[in-house]
N, C-alpha and C. Protein backbone atom coordinates (compact mmCIF):
# COMPACT_ATOMS: atom_id res chain seq x y z
N TRP A 1 8.43 -11.06 21.56
CA TRP A 1 9.18 -11.56 22.68
C TRP A 1 8.24 -11.69 23.87
N PRO A 2 7.77 -12.88 24.17
CA PRO A 2 6.78 -13.05 25.24
C PRO A 2 7.29 -12.61 26.62
N ASP A 3 8.59 -12.72 26.85
CA ASP A 3 9.14 -12.34 28.14
C ASP A 3 9.96 -11.06 28.06
N GLY A 4 9.70 -10.25 27.05
CA GLY A 4 10.46 -9.02 26.86
C GLY A 4 11.58 -9.21 25.85
N PHE A 5 12.21 -8.12 25.50
CA PHE A 5 13.27 -8.11 24.49
C PHE A 5 14.45 -8.99 24.91
N VAL A 6 14.93 -9.77 23.95
CA VAL A 6 16.17 -10.53 24.10
C VAL A 6 16.92 -10.38 22.78
N CYS A 7 18.13 -9.86 22.83
CA CYS A 7 18.93 -9.66 21.62
C CYS A 7 19.23 -11.00 20.95
N PRO A 8 18.94 -11.13 19.66
CA PRO A 8 19.21 -12.39 18.97
C PRO A 8 20.70 -12.65 18.78
N ARG A 9 21.51 -11.62 18.94
CA ARG A 9 22.95 -11.78 18.74
C ARG A 9 23.69 -12.11 20.04
N CYS A 10 23.37 -11.41 21.15
CA CYS A 10 24.16 -11.59 22.38
C CYS A 10 23.32 -11.98 23.60
N ASP A 11 22.00 -12.13 23.45
CA ASP A 11 21.08 -12.53 24.52
C ASP A 11 20.90 -11.49 25.63
N HIS A 12 21.36 -10.27 25.39
CA HIS A 12 21.17 -9.19 26.36
C HIS A 12 19.69 -8.79 26.37
N THR A 13 19.18 -8.39 27.54
CA THR A 13 17.75 -8.05 27.64
C THR A 13 17.47 -6.55 27.65
N GLY A 14 18.49 -5.72 27.67
CA GLY A 14 18.27 -4.27 27.66
C GLY A 14 18.30 -3.73 26.24
N CYS A 15 17.39 -2.81 25.93
CA CYS A 15 17.35 -2.26 24.59
C CYS A 15 16.81 -0.84 24.60
N SER A 16 17.00 -0.16 23.47
CA SER A 16 16.40 1.15 23.23
C SER A 16 15.50 1.02 22.02
N ARG A 17 14.41 1.75 22.02
CA ARG A 17 13.50 1.73 20.88
C ARG A 17 13.84 2.87 19.94
N LEU A 18 13.98 2.55 18.65
CA LEU A 18 14.27 3.54 17.63
C LEU A 18 13.00 3.78 16.83
N ASN A 19 12.54 4.99 16.78
CA ASN A 19 11.27 5.31 16.11
C ASN A 19 11.47 5.92 14.73
N SER A 20 12.59 5.67 14.10
CA SER A 20 12.87 6.30 12.82
C SER A 20 12.32 5.54 11.62
N ARG A 21 11.65 4.42 11.84
CA ARG A 21 11.14 3.60 10.75
C ARG A 21 9.63 3.36 10.90
N ARG A 22 9.03 2.80 9.82
CA ARG A 22 7.61 2.43 9.89
C ARG A 22 7.38 1.40 10.98
N VAL A 23 8.23 0.40 11.00
CA VAL A 23 8.16 -0.64 12.03
C VAL A 23 9.22 -0.30 13.07
N PRO A 24 8.84 -0.19 14.33
CA PRO A 24 9.83 0.18 15.36
C PRO A 24 11.00 -0.80 15.41
N LEU A 25 12.18 -0.26 15.51
CA LEU A 25 13.38 -1.06 15.67
C LEU A 25 13.82 -1.01 17.12
N PHE A 26 14.46 -2.06 17.56
CA PHE A 26 15.01 -2.12 18.90
C PHE A 26 16.51 -2.31 18.78
N GLU A 27 17.25 -1.52 19.55
CA GLU A 27 18.71 -1.61 19.52
C GLU A 27 19.21 -2.16 20.85
N CYS A 28 19.99 -3.22 20.76
CA CYS A 28 20.54 -3.86 21.96
C CYS A 28 21.44 -2.87 22.70
N GLY A 29 21.28 -2.82 24.01
CA GLY A 29 22.09 -1.93 24.83
C GLY A 29 23.53 -2.37 24.96
N ARG A 30 23.82 -3.63 24.66
CA ARG A 30 25.18 -4.14 24.78
C ARG A 30 25.92 -4.11 23.43
N CYS A 31 25.40 -4.83 22.42
CA CYS A 31 26.13 -4.97 21.15
C CYS A 31 25.66 -4.01 20.06
N LYS A 32 24.58 -3.26 20.33
CA LYS A 32 24.02 -2.27 19.39
C LYS A 32 23.37 -2.89 18.16
N HIS A 33 23.13 -4.21 18.18
CA HIS A 33 22.44 -4.88 17.07
C HIS A 33 21.01 -4.35 17.00
N GLN A 34 20.53 -4.06 15.78
CA GLN A 34 19.16 -3.57 15.60
C GLN A 34 18.28 -4.68 15.04
N THR A 35 17.10 -4.82 15.61
CA THR A 35 16.16 -5.85 15.17
C THR A 35 14.74 -5.35 15.40
N SER A 36 13.78 -6.09 14.88
CA SER A 36 12.37 -5.76 15.11
C SER A 36 11.62 -7.02 15.49
N ALA A 37 10.41 -6.86 15.95
CA ALA A 37 9.59 -8.01 16.34
C ALA A 37 9.15 -8.82 15.12
N LEU A 38 9.33 -8.30 13.91
CA LEU A 38 8.91 -8.99 12.70
C LEU A 38 9.97 -9.93 12.15
N VAL A 39 11.20 -9.81 12.62
CA VAL A 39 12.29 -10.65 12.13
C VAL A 39 11.98 -12.11 12.44
N GLY A 40 12.15 -12.95 11.41
CA GLY A 40 11.89 -14.38 11.58
C GLY A 40 10.44 -14.77 11.40
N THR A 41 9.61 -13.84 10.93
CA THR A 41 8.19 -14.12 10.68
C THR A 41 7.90 -13.93 9.20
N ILE A 42 6.70 -14.27 8.78
CA ILE A 42 6.33 -14.05 7.38
C ILE A 42 6.21 -12.56 7.06
N PHE A 43 6.20 -11.73 8.08
CA PHE A 43 6.07 -10.29 7.89
C PHE A 43 7.42 -9.60 7.70
N GLU A 44 8.52 -10.31 7.91
CA GLU A 44 9.85 -9.71 7.83
C GLU A 44 10.08 -9.13 6.44
N GLY A 45 10.48 -7.87 6.38
CA GLY A 45 10.80 -7.21 5.12
C GLY A 45 9.61 -6.72 4.33
N THR A 46 8.41 -6.90 4.84
CA THR A 46 7.23 -6.49 4.09
C THR A 46 7.12 -4.97 4.02
N ARG A 47 6.58 -4.50 2.92
CA ARG A 47 6.29 -3.07 2.79
C ARG A 47 4.79 -2.81 2.94
N LEU A 48 4.04 -3.90 3.02
CA LEU A 48 2.58 -3.77 3.17
C LEU A 48 2.23 -3.47 4.62
N PRO A 49 1.15 -2.74 4.83
CA PRO A 49 0.67 -2.55 6.20
C PRO A 49 0.30 -3.91 6.81
N LEU A 50 0.59 -4.08 8.08
CA LEU A 50 0.28 -5.36 8.74
C LEU A 50 -1.21 -5.66 8.70
N LEU A 51 -2.04 -4.63 8.67
CA LEU A 51 -3.48 -4.85 8.59
C LEU A 51 -3.85 -5.67 7.35
N LYS A 52 -3.19 -5.41 6.23
CA LYS A 52 -3.47 -6.20 5.01
C LYS A 52 -3.04 -7.65 5.21
N TRP A 53 -1.93 -7.87 5.90
CA TRP A 53 -1.49 -9.23 6.19
C TRP A 53 -2.50 -9.93 7.09
N PHE A 54 -2.99 -9.23 8.10
CA PHE A 54 -3.96 -9.84 9.02
C PHE A 54 -5.26 -10.16 8.30
N MET A 55 -5.67 -9.28 7.39
CA MET A 55 -6.87 -9.56 6.59
C MET A 55 -6.64 -10.79 5.72
N ALA A 56 -5.45 -10.89 5.11
CA ALA A 56 -5.13 -12.05 4.27
C ALA A 56 -5.15 -13.34 5.08
N LEU A 57 -4.60 -13.30 6.28
CA LEU A 57 -4.61 -14.48 7.15
C LEU A 57 -6.03 -14.89 7.51
N ASP A 58 -6.87 -13.91 7.81
CA ASP A 58 -8.26 -14.19 8.16
C ASP A 58 -8.98 -14.83 6.98
N LEU A 59 -8.77 -14.29 5.78
CA LEU A 59 -9.42 -14.83 4.59
C LEU A 59 -8.86 -16.21 4.23
N PHE A 60 -7.58 -16.41 4.44
CA PHE A 60 -6.94 -17.71 4.20
C PHE A 60 -7.58 -18.80 5.05
N LEU A 61 -8.01 -18.43 6.26
CA LEU A 61 -8.57 -19.40 7.20
C LEU A 61 -10.05 -19.69 6.99
N LEU A 62 -10.68 -19.05 6.01
CA LEU A 62 -12.07 -19.36 5.70
C LEU A 62 -12.17 -20.82 5.30
N PRO A 63 -13.32 -21.46 5.53
CA PRO A 63 -13.46 -22.88 5.19
C PRO A 63 -13.08 -23.21 3.75
N ASP A 64 -13.40 -22.32 2.81
CA ASP A 64 -13.06 -22.56 1.40
C ASP A 64 -11.77 -21.86 0.99
N GLY A 65 -11.10 -21.20 1.93
CA GLY A 65 -9.88 -20.48 1.59
C GLY A 65 -10.16 -19.28 0.70
N ILE A 66 -9.14 -18.82 -0.01
CA ILE A 66 -9.30 -17.70 -0.92
C ILE A 66 -8.24 -17.81 -2.01
N SER A 67 -8.61 -17.43 -3.20
CA SER A 67 -7.66 -17.45 -4.32
C SER A 67 -6.84 -16.16 -4.31
N ALA A 68 -5.71 -16.19 -4.97
CA ALA A 68 -4.87 -15.00 -5.07
C ALA A 68 -5.62 -13.89 -5.81
N MET A 69 -6.38 -14.26 -6.82
CA MET A 69 -7.13 -13.24 -7.57
C MET A 69 -8.14 -12.54 -6.67
N ARG A 70 -8.89 -13.31 -5.91
CA ARG A 70 -9.90 -12.72 -5.02
C ARG A 70 -9.23 -11.92 -3.90
N LEU A 71 -8.15 -12.44 -3.34
CA LEU A 71 -7.43 -11.72 -2.29
C LEU A 71 -6.94 -10.37 -2.80
N SER A 72 -6.42 -10.35 -4.03
CA SER A 72 -5.92 -9.09 -4.59
C SER A 72 -7.03 -8.05 -4.68
N GLN A 73 -8.24 -8.50 -5.00
CA GLN A 73 -9.37 -7.58 -5.10
C GLN A 73 -9.83 -7.10 -3.73
N VAL A 74 -9.86 -7.99 -2.76
CA VAL A 74 -10.39 -7.66 -1.43
C VAL A 74 -9.47 -6.72 -0.67
N ILE A 75 -8.16 -6.98 -0.71
CA ILE A 75 -7.25 -6.14 0.09
C ILE A 75 -6.52 -5.10 -0.76
N ASP A 76 -6.89 -5.00 -2.04
CA ASP A 76 -6.37 -3.96 -2.94
C ASP A 76 -4.85 -4.01 -3.08
N VAL A 77 -4.37 -5.17 -3.55
CA VAL A 77 -2.97 -5.33 -3.91
C VAL A 77 -2.92 -5.98 -5.29
N THR A 78 -1.75 -6.03 -5.91
CA THR A 78 -1.64 -6.68 -7.21
C THR A 78 -1.80 -8.19 -7.05
N TYR A 79 -2.11 -8.84 -8.16
CA TYR A 79 -2.23 -10.30 -8.14
C TYR A 79 -0.92 -10.93 -7.67
N LYS A 80 0.20 -10.42 -8.17
CA LYS A 80 1.51 -10.97 -7.79
C LYS A 80 1.74 -10.86 -6.29
N THR A 81 1.40 -9.72 -5.71
CA THR A 81 1.56 -9.54 -4.26
C THR A 81 0.66 -10.50 -3.50
N ALA A 82 -0.59 -10.64 -3.93
CA ALA A 82 -1.52 -11.56 -3.27
C ALA A 82 -1.01 -13.00 -3.36
N TRP A 83 -0.50 -13.38 -4.54
CA TRP A 83 0.03 -14.73 -4.72
C TRP A 83 1.21 -14.97 -3.79
N LEU A 84 2.12 -14.00 -3.70
CA LEU A 84 3.28 -14.14 -2.82
C LEU A 84 2.87 -14.22 -1.35
N MET A 85 1.87 -13.42 -0.97
CA MET A 85 1.39 -13.47 0.41
C MET A 85 0.84 -14.85 0.74
N LEU A 86 -0.01 -15.38 -0.14
CA LEU A 86 -0.60 -16.70 0.10
C LEU A 86 0.48 -17.78 0.10
N HIS A 87 1.48 -17.62 -0.76
CA HIS A 87 2.59 -18.58 -0.79
C HIS A 87 3.33 -18.58 0.55
N LYS A 88 3.61 -17.40 1.09
CA LYS A 88 4.29 -17.31 2.39
C LYS A 88 3.43 -17.90 3.51
N ILE A 89 2.13 -17.61 3.47
CA ILE A 89 1.22 -18.12 4.50
C ILE A 89 1.16 -19.65 4.44
N ARG A 90 1.02 -20.20 3.21
CA ARG A 90 0.96 -21.66 3.06
C ARG A 90 2.27 -22.32 3.53
N HIS A 91 3.39 -21.71 3.16
CA HIS A 91 4.69 -22.25 3.57
C HIS A 91 4.81 -22.27 5.09
N ALA A 92 4.40 -21.18 5.73
CA ALA A 92 4.45 -21.11 7.19
C ALA A 92 3.52 -22.14 7.81
N ALA A 93 2.34 -22.32 7.23
CA ALA A 93 1.37 -23.28 7.76
C ALA A 93 1.90 -24.71 7.65
N LEU A 94 2.61 -25.02 6.57
CA LEU A 94 3.16 -26.36 6.39
C LEU A 94 4.27 -26.67 7.39
N HIS A 95 4.99 -25.65 7.80
CA HIS A 95 6.12 -25.84 8.71
C HIS A 95 5.78 -25.50 10.16
N PHE A 96 4.52 -25.33 10.43
CA PHE A 96 4.05 -24.95 11.76
C PHE A 96 3.70 -26.21 12.54
N ASP A 97 4.22 -26.35 13.73
CA ASP A 97 3.89 -27.49 14.59
C ASP A 97 3.09 -26.97 15.77
N ALA A 98 1.78 -27.09 15.69
CA ALA A 98 0.89 -26.55 16.72
C ALA A 98 1.11 -27.20 18.08
N ARG A 99 1.63 -28.41 18.10
CA ARG A 99 1.84 -29.08 19.38
C ARG A 99 2.83 -28.33 20.26
N GLU A 100 3.72 -27.56 19.65
CA GLU A 100 4.71 -26.82 20.42
C GLU A 100 4.14 -25.53 21.01
N LEU A 101 3.07 -24.99 20.41
CA LEU A 101 2.59 -23.68 20.81
C LEU A 101 1.24 -23.67 21.50
N LEU A 102 0.38 -24.61 21.17
CA LEU A 102 -0.98 -24.58 21.68
C LEU A 102 -1.12 -25.45 22.93
N TYR A 103 -1.84 -24.94 23.89
CA TYR A 103 -2.12 -25.70 25.10
C TYR A 103 -3.41 -25.17 25.70
N GLY A 104 -4.02 -25.94 26.59
CA GLY A 104 -5.28 -25.51 27.19
C GLY A 104 -6.41 -25.57 26.19
N ASP A 105 -7.38 -24.68 26.33
CA ASP A 105 -8.52 -24.62 25.43
C ASP A 105 -8.15 -23.84 24.18
N VAL A 106 -8.47 -24.39 23.02
CA VAL A 106 -8.17 -23.75 21.75
C VAL A 106 -9.46 -23.66 20.95
N LYS A 107 -9.79 -22.48 20.44
CA LYS A 107 -10.99 -22.31 19.64
C LYS A 107 -10.57 -22.01 18.21
N VAL A 108 -11.06 -22.83 17.27
CA VAL A 108 -10.79 -22.65 15.86
C VAL A 108 -12.13 -22.47 15.17
N ASN A 109 -12.32 -21.29 14.55
CA ASN A 109 -13.61 -20.92 13.98
C ASN A 109 -14.67 -21.08 15.07
N SER A 110 -15.66 -21.94 14.88
CA SER A 110 -16.70 -22.08 15.91
C SER A 110 -16.52 -23.36 16.73
N ASP A 111 -15.48 -24.14 16.43
CA ASP A 111 -15.23 -25.39 17.14
C ASP A 111 -14.24 -25.16 18.28
N GLN A 112 -14.51 -25.75 19.43
CA GLN A 112 -13.62 -25.62 20.57
C GLN A 112 -13.00 -26.97 20.89
N TYR A 113 -11.69 -26.95 21.16
CA TYR A 113 -10.96 -28.16 21.48
C TYR A 113 -10.30 -27.99 22.83
N GLY A 114 -10.11 -29.08 23.54
CA GLY A 114 -9.46 -29.00 24.84
C GLY A 114 -10.39 -29.49 25.92
N ARG A 115 -10.11 -29.08 27.13
CA ARG A 115 -10.92 -29.54 28.25
C ARG A 115 -12.11 -28.61 28.45
N ASN A 116 -13.22 -29.17 28.84
CA ASN A 116 -14.43 -28.37 29.14
C ASN A 116 -14.93 -28.72 30.50
């Protein structure tokens, strides 16, 4: 939430943080709906540490990419898990519209785009 918590159910901005889970949950102060910052992302419902996801994303962005077999070896997960991770990443990349999110100077790998 770039501007702070906003309840997805009632749009209320007040919340309490619940620390009873691996991923912190936030409870709306008005309707008591519980949510996390991962809802609506490729990380929603994951049991893997986010660090493994971030490593997978970094490896996915290599010029030659990465296979599920190699990813499974590098981040120490099963082949099936690596395949599912890459599938989610590819799906998100296909449905991502950078024009809505990127502005100003953008650096991708060693190339810089935007105004100089």
